[in-house]
């Protein structure tokens, strides 16, 4: 009976030790799972930050593109305005020279009539 009790006691001790080891392993597993989750979250945060950085760079490029488009439109408008001014000046000069020609023609006509 004593040896049977001794065997039962050893079995109980071994079972208790095994249970303790299992609990320790479970705790270690949970800690490592938490560590993995934390790393995944950090990776996700870094990925989101880099995505935001890319989006920010794209929006900056878009703004620069819009500014350059506006600059081109402004230059086209300026060139068009300059061209319009030159055309008006040329029209004025043309009208002045036409008036001058008409005036000379009249003077020639008057001289012809006087000489006749």
PDB file of N, CA and C in Angstrom:
ATOM      1  N   UNK A   1       0.822  -1.199   0.000  1.00  0.00           N
ATOM      2  CA  UNK A   1       0.000   0.000   0.000  1.00  0.00           C
ATOM      3  C   UNK A   1       0.865   1.262   0.000  1.00  0.00           C
ATOM      4  N   UNK A   2       1.963   1.207   0.754  1.00  0.00           N
ATOM      5  CA  UNK A   2       2.855   2.370   0.823  1.00  0.00           C
ATOM      6  C   UNK A   2       3.476   2.606  -0.540  1.00  0.00           C
ATOM      7  N   UNK A   3       3.907   1.529  -1.215  1.00  0.00           N
ATOM      8  CA  UNK A   3       4.512   1.708  -2.535  1.00  0.00           C
ATOM      9  C   UNK A   3       3.476   2.189  -3.542  1.00  0.00           C
ATOM     10  N   UNK A   4       2.235   1.716  -3.413  1.00  0.00           N
ATOM     11  CA  UNK A   4       1.186   2.201  -4.309  1.00  0.00           C
ATOM     12  C   UNK A   4       0.942   3.686  -4.085  1.00  0.00           C
ATOM     13  N   UNK A   5       0.930   4.113  -2.816  1.00  0.00           N
ATOM     14  CA  UNK A   5       0.755   5.533  -2.511  1.00  0.00           C
ATOM     15  C   UNK A   5       1.927   6.348  -3.046  1.00  0.00           C
ATOM     16  N   UNK A   6       3.132   5.787  -2.926  1.00  0.00           N
ATOM     17  CA  UNK A   6       4.319   6.469  -3.430  1.00  0.00           C
ATOM     18  C   UNK A   6       4.239   6.637  -4.948  1.00  0.00           C
ATOM     19  N   UNK A   7       3.783   5.579  -5.635  1.00  0.00           N
ATOM     20  CA  UNK A   7       3.624   5.656  -7.091  1.00  0.00           C
ATOM     21  C   UNK A   7       2.567   6.697  -7.446  1.00  0.00           C
ATOM     22  N   UNK A   8       1.419   6.664  -6.735  1.00  0.00           N
ATOM     23  CA  UNK A   8       0.351   7.631  -7.007  1.00  0.00           C
ATOM     24  C   UNK A   8       0.844   9.069  -6.766  1.00  0.00           C
ATOM     25  N   UNK A   9       1.650   9.232  -5.688  1.00  0.00           N
ATOM     26  CA  UNK A   9       2.184  10.554  -5.379  1.00  0.00           C
ATOM     27  C   UNK A   9       3.118  11.036  -6.493  1.00  0.00           C
ATOM     28  N   UNK A  10       3.977  10.150  -7.012  1.00  0.00           N
ATOM     29  CA  UNK A  10       4.880  10.542  -8.113  1.00  0.00           C
ATOM     30  C   UNK A  10       4.087  10.879  -9.365  1.00  0.00           C
ATOM     31  N   UNK A  11       3.072  10.053  -9.639  1.00  0.00           N
ATOM     32  CA  UNK A  11       2.220  10.340 -10.814  1.00  0.00           C
ATOM     33  C   UNK A  11       1.571  11.712 -10.640  1.00  0.00           C
ATOM     34  N   UNK A  12       1.072  11.981  -9.419  1.00  0.00           N
ATOM     35  CA  UNK A  12       0.443  13.279  -9.159  1.00  0.00           C
ATOM     36  C   UNK A  12       1.452  14.415  -9.324  1.00  0.00           C
ATOM     37  N   UNK A  13       2.661  14.235  -8.814  1.00  0.00           N
ATOM     38  CA  UNK A  13       3.697  15.268  -8.943  1.00  0.00           C
ATOM     39  C   UNK A  13       4.056  15.492 -10.411  1.00  0.00           C
ATOM     40  N   UNK A  14       4.226  14.369 -11.137  1.00  0.00           N
ATOM     41  CA  UNK A  14       4.560  14.516 -12.562  1.00  0.00           C
ATOM     42  C   UNK A  14       3.430  15.218 -13.318  1.00  0.00           C
ATOM     43  N   UNK A  15       2.202  14.847 -12.984  1.00  0.00           N
ATOM     44  CA  UNK A  15       1.053  15.477 -13.636  1.00  0.00           C
ATOM     45  C   UNK A  15       1.019  16.975 -13.313  1.00  0.00           C
ATOM     46  N   UNK A  16       1.286  17.319 -12.055  1.00  0.00           N
ATOM     47  CA  UNK A  16       1.296  18.733 -11.658  1.00  0.00           C
ATOM     48  C   UNK A  16       2.415  19.475 -12.371  1.00  0.00           C
ATOM     49  N   UNK A  17       3.603  18.872 -12.458  1.00  0.00           N
ATOM     50  CA  UNK A  17       4.717  19.504 -13.164  1.00  0.00           C
ATOM     51  C   UNK A  17       4.377  19.707 -14.647  1.00  0.00           C
ATOM     52  N   UNK A  18       3.736  18.677 -15.240  1.00  0.00           N
ATOM     53  CA  UNK A  18       3.366  18.771 -16.651  1.00  0.00           C
ATOM     54  C   UNK A  18       2.351  19.899 -16.859  1.00  0.00           C
ATOM     55  N   UNK A  19       1.400  19.998 -15.932  1.00  0.00           N
ATOM     56  CA  UNK A  19       0.408  21.075 -16.014  1.00  0.00           C
ATOM     57  C   UNK A  19       1.075  22.442 -15.912  1.00  0.00           C
ATOM     58  N   UNK A  20       2.039  22.581 -15.005  1.00  0.00           N
ATOM     59  CA  UNK A  20       2.760  23.845 -14.858  1.00  0.00           C
ATOM     60  C   UNK A  20       3.515  24.184 -16.144  1.00  0.00           C
ATOM     61  N   UNK A  21       4.190  23.185 -16.717  1.00  0.00           N
ATOM     62  CA  UNK A  21       4.924  23.424 -17.964  1.00  0.00           C
ATOM     63  C   UNK A  21       3.972  23.832 -19.078  1.00  0.00           C
ATOM     64  N   UNK A  22       2.798  23.166 -19.149  1.00  0.00           N
ATOM     65  CA  UNK A  22       1.822  23.517 -20.189  1.00  0.00           C
ATOM     66  C   UNK A  22       1.347  24.959 -20.008  1.00  0.00           C
ATOM     67  N   UNK A  23       1.095  25.336 -18.737  1.00  0.00           N
ATOM     68  CA  UNK A  23       0.659  26.714 -18.479  1.00  0.00           C
ATOM     69  C   UNK A  23       1.758  27.710 -18.882  1.00  0.00           C
ATOM     70  N   UNK A  24       2.993  27.395 -18.539  1.00  0.00           N
ATOM     71  CA  UNK A  24       4.106  28.278 -18.913  1.00  0.00           C
ATOM     72  C   UNK A  24       4.221  28.385 -20.436  1.00  0.00           C
ATOM     73  N   UNK A  25       4.083  27.242 -21.115  1.00  0.00           N
ATOM     74  CA  UNK A  25       4.148  27.258 -22.578  1.00  0.00           C
ATOM     75  C   UNK A  25       2.997  28.076 -23.163  1.00  0.00           C
ATOM     76  N   UNK A  26       1.810  27.948 -22.576  1.00  0.00           N
ATOM     77  CA  UNK A  26       0.665  28.737 -23.050  1.00  0.00           C
ATOM     78  C   UNK A  26       0.918  30.226 -22.860  1.00  0.00           C
ATOM     79  N   UNK A  27       1.476  30.595 -21.710  1.00  0.00           N
ATOM     80  CA  UNK A  27       1.787  32.009 -21.455  1.00  0.00           C
ATOM     81  C   UNK A  27       2.823  32.507 -22.468  1.00  0.00           C
ATOM     82  N   UNK A  28       3.875  31.694 -22.700  1.00  0.00           N
ATOM     83  CA  UNK A  28       4.899  32.086 -23.667  1.00  0.00           C
ATOM     84  C   UNK A  28       4.306  32.208 -25.070  1.00  0.00           C
ATOM     85  N   UNK A  29       3.400  31.286 -25.409  1.00  0.00           N
ATOM     86  CA  UNK A  29       2.752  31.336 -26.717  1.00  0.00           C
ATOM     87  C   UNK A  29       1.929  32.614 -26.864  1.00  0.00           C
ATOM     88  N   UNK A  30       1.160  32.946 -25.816  1.00  0.00           N
ATOM     89  CA  UNK A  30       0.349  34.162 -25.878  1.00  0.00           C
ATOM     90  C   UNK A  30       1.227  35.408 -25.994  1.00  0.00           C
ATOM     91  N   UNK A  31       2.344  35.411 -25.239  1.00  0.00           N
ATOM     92  CA  UNK A  31       3.260  36.557 -25.308  1.00  0.00           C
ATOM     93  C   UNK A  31       3.826  36.682 -26.721  1.00  0.00           C
ATOM     94  N   UNK A  32       4.238  35.553 -27.307  1.00  0.00           N
ATOM     95  CA  UNK A  32       4.806  35.634 -28.657  1.00  0.00           C
ATOM     96  C   UNK A  32       3.733  36.023 -29.674  1.00  0.00           C
ATOM     97  N   UNK A  33       2.482  35.547 -29.460  1.00  0.00           N
ATOM     98  CA  UNK A  33       1.392  35.958 -30.368  1.00  0.00           C
ATOM     99  C   UNK A  33       1.160  37.461 -30.265  1.00  0.00           C
ATOM    100  N   UNK A  34       1.171  37.983 -29.037  1.00  0.00           N
ATOM    101  CA  UNK A  34       1.006  39.425 -28.852  1.00  0.00           C
ATOM    102  C   UNK A  34       2.140  40.193 -29.522  1.00  0.00           C
ATOM    103  N   UNK A  35       3.362  39.655 -29.392  1.00  0.00           N
ATOM    104  CA  UNK A  35       4.518  40.299 -30.018  1.00  0.00           C
ATOM    105  C   UNK A  35       4.355  40.331 -31.538  1.00  0.00           C
ATOM    106  N   UNK A  36       3.876  39.187 -32.087  1.00  0.00           N
ATOM    107  CA  UNK A  36       3.656  39.127 -33.539  1.00  0.00           C
ATOM    108  C   UNK A  36       2.575  40.120 -33.947  1.00  0.00           C
ATOM    109  N   UNK A  37       1.486  40.193 -33.174  1.00  0.00           N
ATOM    110  CA  UNK A  37       0.409  41.142 -33.492  1.00  0.00           C
ATOM    111  C   UNK A  37       0.934  42.575 -33.463  1.00  0.00           C
ATOM    112  N   UNK A  38       1.757  42.872 -32.432  1.00  0.00           N
ATOM    113  CA  UNK A  38       2.310  44.219 -32.310  1.00  0.00           C
ATOM    114  C   UNK A  38       3.195  44.543 -33.512  1.00  0.00           C
ATOM    115  N   UNK A  39       4.017  43.584 -33.923  1.00  0.00           N
ATOM    116  CA  UNK A  39       4.873  43.811 -35.093  1.00  0.00           C
ATOM    117  C   UNK A  39       4.034  44.026 -36.348  1.00  0.00           C
ATOM    118  N   UNK A  40       2.970  43.229 -36.485  1.00  0.00           N
ATOM    119  CA  UNK A  40       2.093  43.400 -37.646  1.00  0.00           C
ATOM    120  C   UNK A  40       1.468  44.793 -37.643  1.00  0.00           C
ATOM    121  N   UNK A  41       1.041  45.241 -36.458  1.00  0.00           N
ATOM    122  CA  UNK A  41       0.460  46.586 -36.355  1.00  0.00           C
ATOM    123  C   UNK A  41       1.489  47.643 -36.730  1.00  0.00           C
ATOM    124  N   UNK A  42       2.730  47.464 -36.249  1.00  0.00           N
ATOM    125  CA  UNK A  42       3.780  48.424 -36.587  1.00  0.00           C
ATOM    126  C   UNK A  42       4.029  48.442 -38.090  1.00  0.00           C
ATOM    127  N   UNK A  43       4.056  47.240 -38.695  1.00  0.00           N
ATOM    128  CA  UNK A  43       4.251  47.164 -40.142  1.00  0.00           C
ATOM    129  C   UNK A  43       3.096  47.844 -40.862  1.00  0.00           C
ATOM    130  N   UNK A  44       1.856  47.615 -40.386  1.00  0.00           N
ATOM    131  CA  UNK A  44       0.687  48.252 -41.003  1.00  0.00           C
ATOM    132  C   UNK A  44       0.762  49.767 -40.890  1.00  0.00           C
ATOM    133  N   UNK A  45       1.171  50.238 -39.705  1.00  0.00           N
ATOM    134  CA  UNK A  45       1.287  51.694 -39.507  1.00  0.00           C
ATOM    135  C   UNK A  45       2.345  52.265 -40.458  1.00  0.00           C
ATOM    136  N   UNK A  46       3.513  51.581 -40.545  1.00  0.00           N
ATOM    137  CA  UNK A  46       4.563  52.052 -41.444  1.00  0.00           C
ATOM    138  C   UNK A  46       4.071  52.059 -42.885  1.00  0.00           C
ATOM    139  N   UNK A  47       3.333  51.003 -43.258  1.00  0.00           N
ATOM    140  CA  UNK A  47       2.810  50.925 -44.625  1.00  0.00           C
ATOM    141  C   UNK A  47       1.837  52.071 -44.898  1.00  0.00           C
ATOM    142  N   UNK A  48       0.949  52.334 -43.926  1.00  0.00           N
ATOM    143  CA  UNK A  48      -0.011  53.428 -44.109  1.00  0.00           C
ATOM    144  C   UNK A  48       0.702  54.771 -44.198  1.00  0.00           C
ATOM    145  N   UNK A  49       1.748  54.948 -43.363  1.00  0.00           N
ATOM    146  CA  UNK A  49       2.513  56.198 -43.413  1.00  0.00           C
ATOM    147  C   UNK A  49       3.164  56.351 -44.784  1.00  0.00           C
ATOM    148  N   UNK A  50       3.745  55.253 -45.304  1.00  0.00           N
ATOM    149  CA  UNK A  50       4.389  55.363 -46.618  1.00  0.00           C
ATOM    150  C   UNK A  50       3.345  55.602 -47.706  1.00  0.00           C
ATOM    151  N   UNK A  51       2.155  54.991 -47.571  1.00  0.00           N
ATOM    152  CA  UNK A  51       1.091  55.246 -48.550  1.00  0.00           C
ATOM    153  C   UNK A  51       0.670  56.706 -48.507  1.00  0.00           C
ATOM    154  N   UNK A  52       0.532  57.244 -47.284  1.00  0.00           N
ATOM    155  CA  UNK A  52       0.170  58.662 -47.156  1.00  0.00           C
ATOM    156  C   UNK A  52       1.258  59.545 -47.757  1.00  0.00           C
ATOM    157  N   UNK A  53       2.512  59.137 -47.543  1.00  0.00           N
ATOM    158  CA  UNK A  53       3.620  59.904 -48.116  1.00  0.00           C
ATOM    159  C   UNK A  53       3.534  59.901 -49.643  1.00  0.00           C
ATOM    160  N   UNK A  54       3.228  58.728 -50.208  1.00  0.00           N
ATOM    161  CA  UNK A  54       3.086  58.638 -51.665  1.00  0.00           C
ATOM    162  C   UNK A  54       1.927  59.500 -52.136  1.00  0.00           C
ATOM    163  N   UNK A  55       0.803  59.418 -51.421  1.00  0.00           N
ATOM    164  CA  UNK A  55      -0.376  60.226 -51.795  1.00  0.00           C
ATOM    165  C   UNK A  55      -0.022  61.709 -51.716  1.00  0.00           C
ATOM    166  N   UNK A  56       0.722  62.100 -50.657  1.00  0.00           N
ATOM    167  CA  UNK A  56       1.121  63.497 -50.515  1.00  0.00           C
ATOM    168  C   UNK A  56       2.019  63.928 -51.678  1.00  0.00           C
ATOM    169  N   UNK A  57       2.977  63.053 -52.053  1.00  0.00           N
ATOM    170  CA  UNK A  57       3.862  63.393 -53.167  1.00  0.00           C
ATOM    171  C   UNK A  57       3.060  63.523 -54.456  1.00  0.00           C
ATOM    172  N   UNK A  58       2.099  62.609 -54.656  1.00  0.00           N
ATOM    173  CA  UNK A  58       1.263  62.676 -55.869  1.00  0.00           C
ATOM    174  C   UNK A  58       0.471  63.978 -55.873  1.00  0.00           C
ATOM    175  N   UNK A  59      -0.090  64.350 -54.717  1.00  0.00           N
ATOM    176  CA  UNK A  59      -0.877  65.585 -54.691  1.00  0.00           C
ATOM    177  C   UNK A  59       0.020  66.802 -54.919  1.00  0.00           C
ATOM    178  N   UNK A  60       1.264  66.760 -54.394  1.00  0.00           N
ATOM    179  CA  UNK A  60       2.196  67.860 -54.663  1.00  0.00           C
ATOM    180  C   UNK A  60       2.496  67.953 -56.146  1.00  0.00           C
ATOM    181  N   UNK A  61       2.735  66.779 -56.773  1.00  0.00           N
ATOM    182  CA  UNK A  61       3.004  66.784 -58.209  1.00  0.00           C
ATOM    183  C   UNK A  61       1.797  67.306 -58.973  1.00  0.00           C
ATOM    184  N   UNK A  62       0.603  66.919 -58.522  1.00  0.00           N
ATOM    185  CA  UNK A  62      -0.618  67.391 -59.177  1.00  0.00           C
ATOM    186  C   UNK A  62      -0.735  68.905 -59.067  1.00  0.00           C
ATOM    187  N   UNK A  63      -0.425  69.434 -57.881  1.00  0.00           N
ATOM    188  CA  UNK A  63      -0.470  70.889 -57.690  1.00  0.00           C
ATOM    189  C   UNK A  63       0.562  71.570 -58.593  1.00  0.00           C
ATOM    190  N   UNK A  64       1.794  71.000 -58.636  1.00  0.00           N
ATOM    191  CA  UNK A  64       2.821  71.573 -59.508  1.00  0.00           C
ATOM    192  C   UNK A  64       2.375  71.540 -60.961  1.00  0.00           C
ATOM    193  N   UNK A  65       1.746  70.423 -61.362  1.00  0.00           N
ATOM    194  CA  UNK A  65       1.278  70.304 -62.744  1.00  0.00           C
ATOM    195  C   UNK A  65       0.214  71.361 -63.036  1.00  0.00           C
ATOM    196  N   UNK A  66      -0.719  71.538 -62.078  1.00  0.00           N
ATOM    197  CA  UNK A  66      -1.765  72.543 -62.282  1.00  0.00           C
ATOM    198  C   UNK A  66      -1.165  73.944 -62.363  1.00  0.00           C
ATOM    199  N   UNK A  67      -0.162  74.197 -61.502  1.00  0.00           N
ATOM    200  CA  UNK A  67       0.493  75.510 -61.534  1.00  0.00           C
ATOM    201  C   UNK A  67       1.179  75.718 -62.885  1.00  0.00           C
ATOM    202  N   UNK A  68       1.867  74.674 -63.390  1.00  0.00           N
ATOM    203  CA  UNK A  68       2.556  74.833 -64.674  1.00  0.00           C
ATOM    204  C   UNK A  68       1.540  74.991 -65.798  1.00  0.00           C
ATOM    205  N   UNK A  69       0.403  74.274 -65.703  1.00  0.00           N
ATOM    206  CA  UNK A  69      -0.645  74.445 -66.716  1.00  0.00           C
ATOM    207  C   UNK A  69      -1.172  75.876 -66.696  1.00  0.00           C
ATOM    208  N   UNK A  70      -1.388  76.411 -65.470  1.00  0.00           N
ATOM    209  CA  UNK A  70      -1.851  77.792 -65.366  1.00  0.00           C
ATOM    210  C   UNK A  70      -0.807  78.749 -65.930  1.00  0.00           C
ATOM    211  N   UNK A  71       0.477  78.447 -65.671  1.00  0.00           N
ATOM    212  CA  UNK A  71       1.555  79.288 -66.185  1.00  0.00           C
ATOM    213  C   UNK A  71       1.544  79.284 -67.711  1.00  0.00           C
ATOM    214  N   UNK A  72       1.348  78.099 -68.303  1.00  0.00           N
ATOM    215  CA  UNK A  72       1.286  78.005 -69.772  1.00  0.00           C
ATOM    216  C   UNK A  72       0.081  78.790 -70.296  1.00  0.00           C
ATOM    217  N   UNK A  73      -1.071  78.624 -69.628  1.00  0.00           N
ATOM    218  CA  UNK A  73      -2.267  79.361 -70.061  1.00  0.00           C
ATOM    219  C   UNK A  73      -2.036  80.864 -69.967  1.00  0.00           C
ATOM    220  N   UNK A  74      -1.369  81.289 -68.880  1.00  0.00           N
ATOM    221  CA  UNK A  74      -1.086  82.714 -68.706  1.00  0.00           C
ATOM    222  C   UNK A  74      -0.171  83.215 -69.822  1.00  0.00           C
ATOM    223  N   UNK A  75       0.865  82.426 -70.160  1.00  0.00           N
ATOM    224  CA  UNK A  75       1.766  82.843 -71.241  1.00  0.00           C
ATOM    225  C   UNK A  75       1.020  82.923 -72.568  1.00  0.00           C
ATOM    226  N   UNK A  76       0.157  81.931 -72.820  1.00  0.00           N
ATOM    227  CA  UNK A  76      -0.635  81.958 -74.064  1.00  0.00           C
ATOM    228  C   UNK A  76      -1.501  83.208 -74.087  1.00  0.00           C
ATOM    229  N   UNK A  77      -2.149  83.514 -72.940  1.00  0.00           N
ATOM    230  CA  UNK A  77      -2.992  84.702 -72.867  1.00  0.00           C
ATOM    231  C   UNK A  77      -2.174  85.965 -73.109  1.00  0.00           C
ATOM    232  N   UNK A  78      -0.972  86.027 -72.496  1.00  0.00           N
ATOM    233  CA  UNK A  78      -0.115  87.204 -72.685  1.00  0.00           C
ATOM    234  C   UNK A  78       0.292  87.348 -74.142  1.00  0.00           C
ATOM    235  N   UNK A  79       0.685  86.220 -74.765  1.00  0.00           N
ATOM    236  CA  UNK A  79       1.077  86.286 -76.179  1.00  0.00           C
ATOM    237  C   UNK A  79      -0.103  86.702 -77.048  1.00  0.00           C
ATOM    238  N   UNK A  80      -1.282  86.181 -76.724  1.00  0.00           N
ATOM    239  CA  UNK A  80      -2.473  86.553 -77.485  1.00  0.00           C
ATOM    240  C   UNK A  80      -2.766  88.046 -77.322  1.00  0.00           C
ATOM    241  N   UNK A  81      -2.633  88.541 -76.098  1.00  0.00           N
ATOM    242  CA  UNK A  81      -2.873  89.968 -75.862  1.00  0.00           C
ATOM    243  C   UNK A  81      -1.851  90.821 -76.613  1.00  0.00           C
ATOM    244  N   UNK A  82      -0.588  90.402 -76.586  1.00  0.00           N
ATOM    245  CA  UNK A  82       0.441  91.142 -77.325  1.00  0.00           C
ATOM    246  C   UNK A  82       0.145  91.131 -78.817  1.00  0.00           C
ATOM    247  N   UNK A  83      -0.281  89.971 -79.317  1.00  0.00           N
ATOM    248  CA  UNK A  83      -0.590  89.864 -80.746  1.00  0.00           C
ATOM    249  C   UNK A  83      -1.765  90.775 -81.108  1.00  0.00           C
ATOM    250  N   UNK A  84      -2.774  90.803 -80.223  1.00  0.00           N
ATOM    251  CA  UNK A  84      -3.914  91.687 -80.467  1.00  0.00           C
ATOM    252  C   UNK A  84      -3.482  93.146 -80.496  1.00  0.00           C
ATOM    253  N   UNK A  85      -2.610  93.537 -79.564  1.00  0.00           N
ATOM    254  CA  UNK A  85      -2.115  94.915 -79.544  1.00  0.00           C
ATOM    255  C   UNK A  85      -1.356  95.233 -80.829  1.00  0.00           C
ATOM    256  N   UNK A  86      -0.504  94.333 -81.287  1.00  0.00           N
ATOM    257  CA  UNK A  86       0.256  94.573 -82.517  1.00  0.00           C
ATOM    258  C   UNK A  86      -0.682  94.692 -83.716  1.00  0.00           C
ATOM    259  N   UNK A  87      -1.701  93.834 -83.741  1.00  0.00           N
ATOM    260  CA  UNK A  87      -2.660  93.909 -84.854  1.00  0.00           C
ATOM    261  C   UNK A  87      -3.377  95.261 -84.849  1.00  0.00           C
ATOM    262  N   UNK A  88      -3.767  95.739 -83.666  1.00  0.00           N
ATOM    263  CA  UNK A  88      -4.426  97.043 -83.572  1.00  0.00           C
ATOM    264  C   UNK A  88      -3.497  98.162 -84.037  1.00  0.00           C
ATOM    265  N   UNK A  89      -2.210  98.074 -83.595  1.00  0.00           N
ATOM    266  CA  UNK A  89      -1.245  99.080 -84.022  1.00  0.00           C
ATOM    267  C   UNK A  89      -1.070  99.048 -85.536  1.00  0.00           C
ATOM    268  N   UNK A  90      -0.974  97.859 -86.101  1.00  0.00           N
ATOM    269  CA  UNK A  90      -0.827  97.741 -87.551  1.00  0.00           C
ATOM    270  C   UNK A  90      -2.054  98.289 -88.271  1.00  0.00           C
ATOM    271  N   UNK A  91      -3.248  98.008 -87.704  1.00  0.00           N
ATOM    272  CA  UNK A  91      -4.469  98.554 -88.320  1.00  0.00           C
ATOM    273  C   UNK A  91      -4.470 100.072 -88.279  1.00  0.00           C
ATOM    274  N   UNK A  92      -4.043 100.638 -87.139  1.00  0.00           N
ATOM    275  CA  UNK A  92      -3.981 102.095 -87.035  1.00  0.00           C
ATOM    276  C   UNK A  92      -2.983 102.652 -88.045  1.00  0.00           C
ATOM    277  N   UNK A  93      -1.798 102.007 -88.132  1.00  0.00           N
ATOM    278  CA  UNK A  93      -0.789 102.471 -89.103  1.00  0.00           C
ATOM    279  C   UNK A  93      -1.319 102.340 -90.525  1.00  0.00           C
ATOM    280  N   UNK A  94      -2.016 101.252 -90.808  1.00  0.00           N
ATOM    281  CA  UNK A  94      -2.583 101.064 -92.148  1.00  0.00           C
ATOM    282  C   UNK A  94      -3.586 102.176 -92.459  1.00  0.00           C
ATOM    283  N   UNK A  95      -4.463 102.480 -91.499  1.00  0.00           N
ATOM    284  CA  UNK A  95      -5.452 103.539 -91.724  1.00  0.00           C
ATOM    285  C   UNK A  95      -4.771 104.892 -91.912  1.00  0.00           C
ATOM    286  N   UNK A  96      -3.711 105.130 -91.109  1.00  0.00           N
ATOM    287  CA  UNK A  96      -2.983 106.399 -91.261  1.00  0.00           C
ATOM    288  C   UNK A  96      -2.351 106.474 -92.644  1.00  0.00           C
ATOM    289  N   UNK A  97      -1.730 105.362 -93.088  1.00  0.00           N
ATOM    290  CA  UNK A  97      -1.088 105.404 -94.409  1.00  0.00           C
ATOM    291  C   UNK A  97      -2.148 105.508 -95.511  1.00  0.00           C
ATOM    292  N   UNK A  98      -3.311 104.880 -95.337  1.00  0.00           N
ATOM    293  CA  UNK A  98      -4.382 105.017 -96.325  1.00  0.00           C
ATOM    294  C   UNK A  98      -4.870 106.463 -96.387  1.00  0.00           C
ATOM    295  N   UNK A  99      -5.017 107.084 -95.219  1.00  0.00           N
ATOM    296  CA  UNK A  99      -5.419 108.492 -95.190  1.00  0.00           C
ATOM    297  C   UNK A  99      -4.373 109.363 -95.873  1.00  0.00           C
ATOM    298  N   UNK A 100      -3.095 109.033 -95.623  1.00  0.00           N
ATOM    299  CA  UNK A 100      -2.007 109.794 -96.229  1.00  0.00           C
ATOM    300  C   UNK A 100      -2.057 109.652 -97.748  1.00  0.00           C
ATOM    301  N   UNK A 101      -2.302 108.412 -98.206  1.00  0.00           N
ATOM    302  CA  UNK A 101      -2.393 108.190 -99.665  1.00  0.00           C
ATOM    303  C   UNK A 101      -3.581 108.963-100.232  1.00  0.00           C
ATOM    304  N   UNK A 102      -4.714 108.912 -99.574  1.00  0.00           N
ATOM    305  CA  UNK A 102      -5.889 109.645-100.057  1.00  0.00           C
ATOM    306  C   UNK A 102      -5.603 111.150-100.112  1.00  0.00           C
ATOM    307  N   UNK A 103      -4.942 111.637 -99.069  1.00  0.00           N
ATOM    308  CA  UNK A 103      -4.615 113.063 -99.023  1.00  0.00           C
ATOM    309  C   UNK A 103      -3.692 113.437-100.195  1.00  0.00           C
ATOM    310  N   UNK A 104      -2.693 112.594-100.480  1.00  0.00           N
ATOM    311  CA  UNK A 104      -1.784 112.867-101.594  1.00  0.00           C
ATOM    312  C   UNK A 104      -2.536 112.831-102.921  1.00  0.00           C
ATOM    313  N   UNK A 105      -3.445 111.836-103.040  1.00  0.00           N
ATOM    314  CA  UNK A 105      -4.228 111.729-104.276  1.00  0.00           C
ATOM    315  C   UNK A 105      -5.053 113.006-104.472  1.00  0.00           C
ATOM    316  N   UNK A 106      -5.644 113.485-103.358  1.00  0.00           N
ATOM    317  CA  UNK A 106      -6.428 114.716-103.460  1.00  0.00           C
ATOM    318  C   UNK A 106      -5.534 115.891-103.852  1.00  0.00           C
ATOM    319  N   UNK A 107      -4.351 115.960-103.251  1.00  0.00           N
ATOM    320  CA  UNK A 107      -3.425 117.047-103.592  1.00  0.00           C
ATOM    321  C   UNK A 107      -3.034 116.967-105.065  1.00  0.00           C
ATOM    322  N   UNK A 108      -2.788 115.736-105.548  1.00  0.00           N
ATOM    323  CA  UNK A 108      -2.431 115.576-106.960  1.00  0.00           C
ATOM    324  C   UNK A 108      -3.603 116.004-107.829  1.00  0.00           C
ATOM    325  N   UNK A 109      -4.812 115.611-107.445  1.00  0.00           N
ATOM    326  CA  UNK A 109      -5.999 116.001-108.220  1.00  0.00           C
ATOM    327  C   UNK A 109      -6.164 117.517-108.247  1.00  0.00           C
ATOM    328  N   UNK A 110      -5.951 118.122-107.083  1.00  0.00           N
ATOM    329  CA  UNK A 110      -6.080 119.577-107.012  1.00  0.00           C
ATOM    330  C   UNK A 110      -5.022 120.239-107.899  1.00  0.00           C
ATOM    331  N   UNK A 111      -3.762 119.758-107.864  1.00  0.00           N
ATOM    332  CA  UNK A 111      -2.693 120.330-108.682  1.00  0.00           C
ATOM    333  C   UNK A 111      -3.019 120.139-110.158  1.00  0.00           C
ATOM    334  N   UNK A 112      -3.578 118.955-110.500  1.00  0.00           N
ATOM    335  CA  UNK A 112      -3.919 118.697-111.902  1.00  0.00           C
ATOM    336  C   UNK A 112      -4.992 119.690-112.354  1.00  0.00           C
ATOM    337  N   UNK A 113      -5.971 119.870-111.519  1.00  0.00           N
ATOM    338  CA  UNK A 113      -7.065 120.771-111.886  1.00  0.00           C
ATOM    339  C   UNK A 113      -6.542 122.212-112.004  1.00  0.00           C
ATOM    340  N   UNK A 114      -5.628 122.560-111.109  1.00  0.00           N
ATOM    341  CA  UNK A 114      -5.071 123.912-111.163  1.00  0.00           C
ATOM    342  C   UNK A 114      -4.252 124.067-112.456  1.00  0.00           C
ATOM    343  N   UNK A 115      -3.507 123.062-112.785  1.00  0.00           N
ATOM    344  CA  UNK A 115      -2.660 123.174-113.976  1.00  0.00           C
ATOM    345  C   UNK A 115      -3.525 123.155-115.246  1.00  0.00           C
ATOM    346  N   UNK A 116      -4.668 122.523-115.202  1.00  0.00           N
ATOM    347  CA  UNK A 116      -5.550 122.533-116.379  1.00  0.00           C
ATOM    348  C   UNK A 116      -6.168 123.895-116.476  1.00  0.00           C
TER     349      UNK A 116
END
